[in-house]
C-alpha cells in the first residue's frame, strides 16, 4: 500500500514536471527577439486563420519602421499605396503606368519612389480595373488607399478611398510595408 502511494506521487510529480517544462520552453520561444533585418514573405491572417502570404519577401521590420515616418526624398515623388485589412482575403495586383504588377495582401502598403510628373496607378479585381491618376513633384509625399468588401455569397466590391491624409497615415501605421519600389 505504501509502495502504491509513492508510485502515485511519482507519477503526479513527473506529469507536473513535464507540463511545467513545456510551458517554460513555450514561453522562452515567444520571448525570442524578432529579426529586424530579415526579409521574408509577409502573411496576413483573417482572425488567426487563412493566411494569405506575399510571394516575394517583404522589406525588413527596420525598413517598415523607417517607411512609417513618411519622409520625402529630394529626388523623387513618394507614393504610399495602403491596402485596408477588411477588403477581402486575397491578393490584389497593383501596377504603375502599365508596368509590372505588384502583389498586395490585406493590411499592407507599398512605397513607390517615382519620377515627378503624372502617373496612372491601377489595380484589378473581379475583372474590373480601378485607376487613379496622381501628379506630383520631387520631394512630395502622397498616400492612396484601397478598400472594399468580399461577401460570403461570392460578390465583392473594391475602390480607391477618399480618406484624408491623416486617416491614410493612421491606416498605414497599422499596415505592413510589403514592397519598397523605386521607378526613377
C-alpha atoms as a PDB file:
ATOM      1  CA  UNK A   1       0.000   0.000   0.000  1.00  0.00           C
ATOM      2  CA  UNK A   2       2.864   2.344   0.862  1.00  0.00           C
ATOM      3  CA  UNK A   3       4.520   1.448  -2.426  1.00  0.00           C
ATOM      4  CA  UNK A   4       1.305   2.298  -4.326  1.00  0.00           C
ATOM      5  CA  UNK A   5       1.131   5.661  -2.519  1.00  0.00           C
ATOM      6  CA  UNK A   6       4.704   6.603  -3.530  1.00  0.00           C
ATOM      7  CA  UNK A   7       4.145   5.357  -7.059  1.00  0.00           C
ATOM      8  CA  UNK A   8       1.133   7.692  -7.470  1.00  0.00           C
ATOM      9  CA  UNK A   9       3.109  10.622  -6.055  1.00  0.00           C
ATOM     10  CA  UNK A  10       5.968   9.968  -8.501  1.00  0.00           C
ATOM     11  CA  UNK A  11       3.571   9.749 -11.468  1.00  0.00           C
ATOM     12  CA  UNK A  12       1.938  13.036 -10.447  1.00  0.00           C
ATOM     13  CA  UNK A  13       5.331  14.701  -9.917  1.00  0.00           C
ATOM     14  CA  UNK A  14       6.619  13.503 -13.312  1.00  0.00           C
ATOM     15  CA  UNK A  15       3.452  14.711 -15.063  1.00  0.00           C
ATOM     16  CA  UNK A  16       3.647  18.137 -13.409  1.00  0.00           C
ATOM     17  CA  UNK A  17       7.349  18.418 -14.244  1.00  0.00           C
ATOM     18  CA  UNK A  18       6.671  17.675 -17.910  1.00  0.00           C
ATOM     19  CA  UNK A  19       3.817  20.217 -18.059  1.00  0.00           C
ATOM     20  CA  UNK A  20       5.852  22.952 -16.340  1.00  0.00           C
ATOM     21  CA  UNK A  21       8.866  22.266 -18.584  1.00  0.00           C
ATOM     22  CA  UNK A  22       6.709  22.503 -21.710  1.00  0.00           C
ATOM     23  CA  UNK A  23       5.240  25.812 -20.517  1.00  0.00           C
ATOM     24  CA  UNK A  24       8.669  27.257 -19.734  1.00  0.00           C
ATOM     25  CA  UNK A  25      10.021  26.229 -23.135  1.00  0.00           C
ATOM     26  CA  UNK A  26       6.945  27.649 -24.861  1.00  0.00           C
ATOM     27  CA  UNK A  27       7.303  30.980 -23.100  1.00  0.00           C
ATOM     28  CA  UNK A  28      11.018  31.109 -23.884  1.00  0.00           C
ATOM     29  CA  UNK A  29      10.218  30.581 -27.572  1.00  0.00           C
ATOM     30  CA  UNK A  30       7.782  33.508 -27.538  1.00  0.00           C
ATOM     31  CA  UNK A  31      10.375  35.714 -25.894  1.00  0.00           C
ATOM     32  CA  UNK A  32      12.972  35.227 -28.620  1.00  0.00           C
ATOM     33  CA  UNK A  33      13.935  38.504 -30.303  1.00  0.00           C
ATOM     34  CA  UNK A  34      12.459  39.479 -33.671  1.00  0.00           C
ATOM     35  CA  UNK A  35      14.954  39.613 -36.503  1.00  0.00           C
ATOM     36  CA  UNK A  36      14.553  43.238 -37.569  1.00  0.00           C
ATOM     37  CA  UNK A  37      16.653  42.917 -40.739  1.00  0.00           C
ATOM     38  CA  UNK A  38      15.261  39.660 -42.166  1.00  0.00           C
ATOM     39  CA  UNK A  39      13.378  39.927 -45.420  1.00  0.00           C
ATOM     40  CA  UNK A  40      10.733  37.214 -45.716  1.00  0.00           C
ATOM     41  CA  UNK A  41       7.219  36.861 -47.130  1.00  0.00           C
ATOM     42  CA  UNK A  42       4.546  38.680 -45.153  1.00  0.00           C
ATOM     43  CA  UNK A  43       1.360  36.778 -44.274  1.00  0.00           C
ATOM     44  CA  UNK A  44      -1.994  38.354 -43.498  1.00  0.00           C
ATOM     45  CA  UNK A  45      -4.302  36.206 -41.392  1.00  0.00           C
ATOM     46  CA  UNK A  46      -8.029  36.589 -41.072  1.00  0.00           C
ATOM     47  CA  UNK A  47      -8.648  36.430 -37.322  1.00  0.00           C
ATOM     48  CA  UNK A  48      -5.848  33.913 -36.863  1.00  0.00           C
ATOM     49  CA  UNK A  49      -6.729  31.646 -39.790  1.00  0.00           C
ATOM     50  CA  UNK A  50      -6.494  31.602 -43.586  1.00  0.00           C
ATOM     51  CA  UNK A  51      -3.027  33.036 -44.065  1.00  0.00           C
ATOM     52  CA  UNK A  52      -2.516  34.923 -47.334  1.00  0.00           C
ATOM     53  CA  UNK A  53       1.180  35.430 -47.945  1.00  0.00           C
ATOM     54  CA  UNK A  54       3.145  37.513 -50.413  1.00  0.00           C
ATOM     55  CA  UNK A  55       5.097  35.530 -52.980  1.00  0.00           C
ATOM     56  CA  UNK A  56       8.117  37.802 -52.648  1.00  0.00           C
ATOM     57  CA  UNK A  57       9.969  38.705 -49.460  1.00  0.00           C
ATOM     58  CA  UNK A  58       8.763  41.877 -47.736  1.00  0.00           C
ATOM     59  CA  UNK A  59      11.270  44.518 -46.631  1.00  0.00           C
ATOM     60  CA  UNK A  60      12.670  44.164 -43.126  1.00  0.00           C
ATOM     61  CA  UNK A  61      10.906  45.361 -39.972  1.00  0.00           C
ATOM     62  CA  UNK A  62      13.553  48.102 -39.735  1.00  0.00           C
ATOM     63  CA  UNK A  63      12.659  49.289 -43.276  1.00  0.00           C
ATOM     64  CA  UNK A  64       8.945  49.105 -42.344  1.00  0.00           C
ATOM     65  CA  UNK A  65       9.578  51.359 -39.332  1.00  0.00           C
ATOM     66  CA  UNK A  66      11.573  53.806 -41.480  1.00  0.00           C
ATOM     67  CA  UNK A  67       8.829  53.948 -44.127  1.00  0.00           C
ATOM     68  CA  UNK A  68       6.245  54.840 -41.489  1.00  0.00           C
ATOM     69  CA  UNK A  69       7.962  58.182 -40.911  1.00  0.00           C
ATOM     70  CA  UNK A  70       6.531  59.178 -44.347  1.00  0.00           C
ATOM     71  CA  UNK A  71       9.697  61.127 -45.112  1.00  0.00           C
ATOM     72  CA  UNK A  72      10.147  62.640 -48.530  1.00  0.00           C
ATOM     73  CA  UNK A  73      13.259  62.303 -50.640  1.00  0.00           C
ATOM     74  CA  UNK A  74      14.509  65.214 -52.741  1.00  0.00           C
ATOM     75  CA  UNK A  75      14.987  63.180 -55.932  1.00  0.00           C
ATOM     76  CA  UNK A  76      11.552  61.518 -56.190  1.00  0.00           C
ATOM     77  CA  UNK A  77       7.802  61.729 -55.733  1.00  0.00           C
ATOM     78  CA  UNK A  78       6.976  59.281 -52.921  1.00  0.00           C
ATOM     79  CA  UNK A  79       3.616  57.484 -53.067  1.00  0.00           C
ATOM     80  CA  UNK A  80       2.255  55.092 -50.463  1.00  0.00           C
ATOM     81  CA  UNK A  81      -0.484  52.705 -51.591  1.00  0.00           C
ATOM     82  CA  UNK A  82      -2.233  51.438 -48.450  1.00  0.00           C
ATOM     83  CA  UNK A  83      -4.487  48.403 -48.650  1.00  0.00           C
ATOM     84  CA  UNK A  84      -7.019  48.165 -45.828  1.00  0.00           C
ATOM     85  CA  UNK A  85      -7.453  44.981 -43.803  1.00  0.00           C
ATOM     86  CA  UNK A  86     -11.165  44.444 -44.399  1.00  0.00           C
ATOM     87  CA  UNK A  87     -11.168  44.474 -48.186  1.00  0.00           C
ATOM     88  CA  UNK A  88     -11.120  40.766 -48.752  1.00  0.00           C
ATOM     89  CA  UNK A  89      -8.826  37.911 -48.129  1.00  0.00           C
ATOM     90  CA  UNK A  90      -6.937  37.573 -51.361  1.00  0.00           C
ATOM     91  CA  UNK A  91      -4.015  39.185 -53.144  1.00  0.00           C
ATOM     92  CA  UNK A  92      -4.575  42.209 -55.398  1.00  0.00           C
ATOM     93  CA  UNK A  93      -2.152  43.321 -58.077  1.00  0.00           C
ATOM     94  CA  UNK A  94      -1.217  46.989 -58.415  1.00  0.00           C
ATOM     95  CA  UNK A  95       0.657  48.499 -61.339  1.00  0.00           C
ATOM     96  CA  UNK A  96       2.147  51.899 -62.092  1.00  0.00           C
ATOM     97  CA  UNK A  97       1.892  53.361 -65.588  1.00  0.00           C
ATOM     98  CA  UNK A  98       1.023  49.945 -67.049  1.00  0.00           C
ATOM     99  CA  UNK A  99       4.191  48.341 -65.677  1.00  0.00           C
ATOM    100  CA  UNK A 100       4.687  45.014 -63.948  1.00  0.00           C
ATOM    101  CA  UNK A 101       2.089  44.030 -61.372  1.00  0.00           C
ATOM    102  CA  UNK A 102       2.969  44.246 -57.671  1.00  0.00           C
ATOM    103  CA  UNK A 103       1.096  41.904 -55.370  1.00  0.00           C
ATOM    104  CA  UNK A 104      -0.561  43.143 -52.173  1.00  0.00           C
ATOM    105  CA  UNK A 105      -2.342  41.357 -49.352  1.00  0.00           C
ATOM    106  CA  UNK A 106      -4.847  42.905 -46.928  1.00  0.00           C
ATOM    107  CA  UNK A 107      -3.453  45.262 -44.292  1.00  0.00           C
ATOM    108  CA  UNK A 108      -0.317  46.099 -46.264  1.00  0.00           C
ATOM    109  CA  UNK A 109       1.299  49.010 -48.060  1.00  0.00           C
ATOM    110  CA  UNK A 110       3.658  49.648 -50.931  1.00  0.00           C
ATOM    111  CA  UNK A 111       6.052  52.612 -51.042  1.00  0.00           C
ATOM    112  CA  UNK A 112       6.813  53.890 -54.526  1.00  0.00           C
ATOM    113  CA  UNK A 113       9.559  56.349 -55.441  1.00  0.00           C
ATOM    114  CA  UNK A 114       8.568  57.818 -58.814  1.00  0.00           C
ATOM    115  CA  UNK A 115       9.759  60.439 -61.286  1.00  0.00           C
ATOM    116  CA  UNK A 116       7.996  63.752 -60.892  1.00  0.00           C
ATOM    117  CA  UNK A 117       5.003  64.149 -63.157  1.00  0.00           C
ATOM    118  CA  UNK A 118       1.721  62.354 -63.762  1.00  0.00           C
ATOM    119  CA  UNK A 119       1.289  58.641 -63.096  1.00  0.00           C
ATOM    120  CA  UNK A 120      -1.529  56.111 -63.501  1.00  0.00           C
ATOM    121  CA  UNK A 121      -1.855  53.661 -60.594  1.00  0.00           C
ATOM    122  CA  UNK A 122      -4.147  50.713 -61.299  1.00  0.00           C
ATOM    123  CA  UNK A 123      -5.459  47.652 -59.502  1.00  0.00           C
ATOM    124  CA  UNK A 124      -7.589  44.832 -60.864  1.00  0.00           C
ATOM    125  CA  UNK A 125     -10.098  42.679 -59.001  1.00  0.00           C
ATOM    126  CA  UNK A 126     -13.067  40.618 -60.126  1.00  0.00           C
ATOM    127  CA  UNK A 127     -12.491  41.510 -63.767  1.00  0.00           C
ATOM    128  CA  UNK A 128     -12.720  45.239 -63.053  1.00  0.00           C
ATOM    129  CA  UNK A 129      -9.948  47.794 -63.326  1.00  0.00           C
ATOM    130  CA  UNK A 130      -9.676  50.695 -60.890  1.00  0.00           C
ATOM    131  CA  UNK A 131      -7.435  53.614 -61.882  1.00  0.00           C
ATOM    132  CA  UNK A 132      -6.196  56.642 -60.030  1.00  0.00           C
ATOM    133  CA  UNK A 133      -4.150  59.389 -61.674  1.00  0.00           C
ATOM    134  CA  UNK A 134      -1.728  61.296 -59.477  1.00  0.00           C
ATOM    135  CA  UNK A 135       0.573  64.208 -60.202  1.00  0.00           C
ATOM    136  CA  UNK A 136       3.461  65.339 -58.094  1.00  0.00           C
ATOM    137  CA  UNK A 137       6.848  66.958 -57.852  1.00  0.00           C
ATOM    138  CA  UNK A 138      10.168  65.756 -56.464  1.00  0.00           C
ATOM    139  CA  UNK A 139      10.138  65.831 -52.670  1.00  0.00           C
ATOM    140  CA  UNK A 140       6.344  65.377 -52.337  1.00  0.00           C
ATOM    141  CA  UNK A 141       4.634  62.535 -50.454  1.00  0.00           C
ATOM    142  CA  UNK A 142       1.179  61.251 -51.415  1.00  0.00           C
ATOM    143  CA  UNK A 143      -0.961  58.478 -49.961  1.00  0.00           C
ATOM    144  CA  UNK A 144      -3.625  56.368 -51.676  1.00  0.00           C
ATOM    145  CA  UNK A 145      -5.928  53.821 -50.052  1.00  0.00           C
ATOM    146  CA  UNK A 146      -7.674  50.724 -51.360  1.00  0.00           C
ATOM    147  CA  UNK A 147     -10.695  49.326 -49.559  1.00  0.00           C
ATOM    148  CA  UNK A 148     -13.561  47.004 -50.303  1.00  0.00           C
ATOM    149  CA  UNK A 149     -15.588  44.040 -49.191  1.00  0.00           C
ATOM    150  CA  UNK A 150     -15.816  40.382 -50.128  1.00  0.00           C
ATOM    151  CA  UNK A 151     -19.248  38.942 -49.444  1.00  0.00           C
ATOM    152  CA  UNK A 152     -19.865  35.379 -48.346  1.00  0.00           C
ATOM    153  CA  UNK A 153     -22.079  34.723 -51.385  1.00  0.00           C
ATOM    154  CA  UNK A 154     -19.176  35.462 -53.728  1.00  0.00           C
ATOM    155  CA  UNK A 155     -19.661  39.104 -54.673  1.00  0.00           C
ATOM    156  CA  UNK A 156     -17.026  41.689 -53.926  1.00  0.00           C
ATOM    157  CA  UNK A 157     -16.588  45.414 -54.284  1.00  0.00           C
ATOM    158  CA  UNK A 158     -13.363  47.398 -54.153  1.00  0.00           C
ATOM    159  CA  UNK A 159     -12.482  51.033 -54.728  1.00  0.00           C
ATOM    160  CA  UNK A 160      -9.968  53.783 -54.117  1.00  0.00           C
ATOM    161  CA  UNK A 161     -10.751  55.560 -50.843  1.00  0.00           C
ATOM    162  CA  UNK A 162     -11.267  59.280 -50.484  1.00  0.00           C
ATOM    163  CA  UNK A 163      -9.875  59.294 -46.938  1.00  0.00           C
ATOM    164  CA  UNK A 164      -7.842  62.239 -45.677  1.00  0.00           C
ATOM    165  CA  UNK A 165      -4.059  62.095 -45.454  1.00  0.00           C
ATOM    166  CA  UNK A 166      -4.309  61.742 -41.654  1.00  0.00           C
ATOM    167  CA  UNK A 167      -6.725  58.798 -41.978  1.00  0.00           C
ATOM    168  CA  UNK A 168      -4.472  57.128 -44.539  1.00  0.00           C
ATOM    169  CA  UNK A 169      -1.409  57.617 -42.329  1.00  0.00           C
ATOM    170  CA  UNK A 170      -3.226  56.019 -39.378  1.00  0.00           C
ATOM    171  CA  UNK A 171      -4.096  53.035 -41.591  1.00  0.00           C
ATOM    172  CA  UNK A 172      -0.549  52.854 -42.914  1.00  0.00           C
ATOM    173  CA  UNK A 173       0.881  52.813 -39.387  1.00  0.00           C
ATOM    174  CA  UNK A 174      -1.165  49.648 -38.714  1.00  0.00           C
ATOM    175  CA  UNK A 175      -0.142  48.062 -42.030  1.00  0.00           C
ATOM    176  CA  UNK A 176       2.990  46.197 -43.064  1.00  0.00           C
ATOM    177  CA  UNK A 177       5.338  47.504 -45.776  1.00  0.00           C
ATOM    178  CA  UNK A 178       5.498  44.681 -48.328  1.00  0.00           C
ATOM    179  CA  UNK A 179       7.179  46.464 -51.262  1.00  0.00           C
ATOM    180  CA  UNK A 180       9.622  49.348 -51.471  1.00  0.00           C
ATOM    181  CA  UNK A 181       9.993  50.158 -55.155  1.00  0.00           C
ATOM    182  CA  UNK A 182      11.988  52.870 -56.927  1.00  0.00           C
ATOM    183  CA  UNK A 183      10.937  53.635 -60.516  1.00  0.00           C
ATOM    184  CA  UNK A 184      13.109  56.634 -61.441  1.00  0.00           C
END
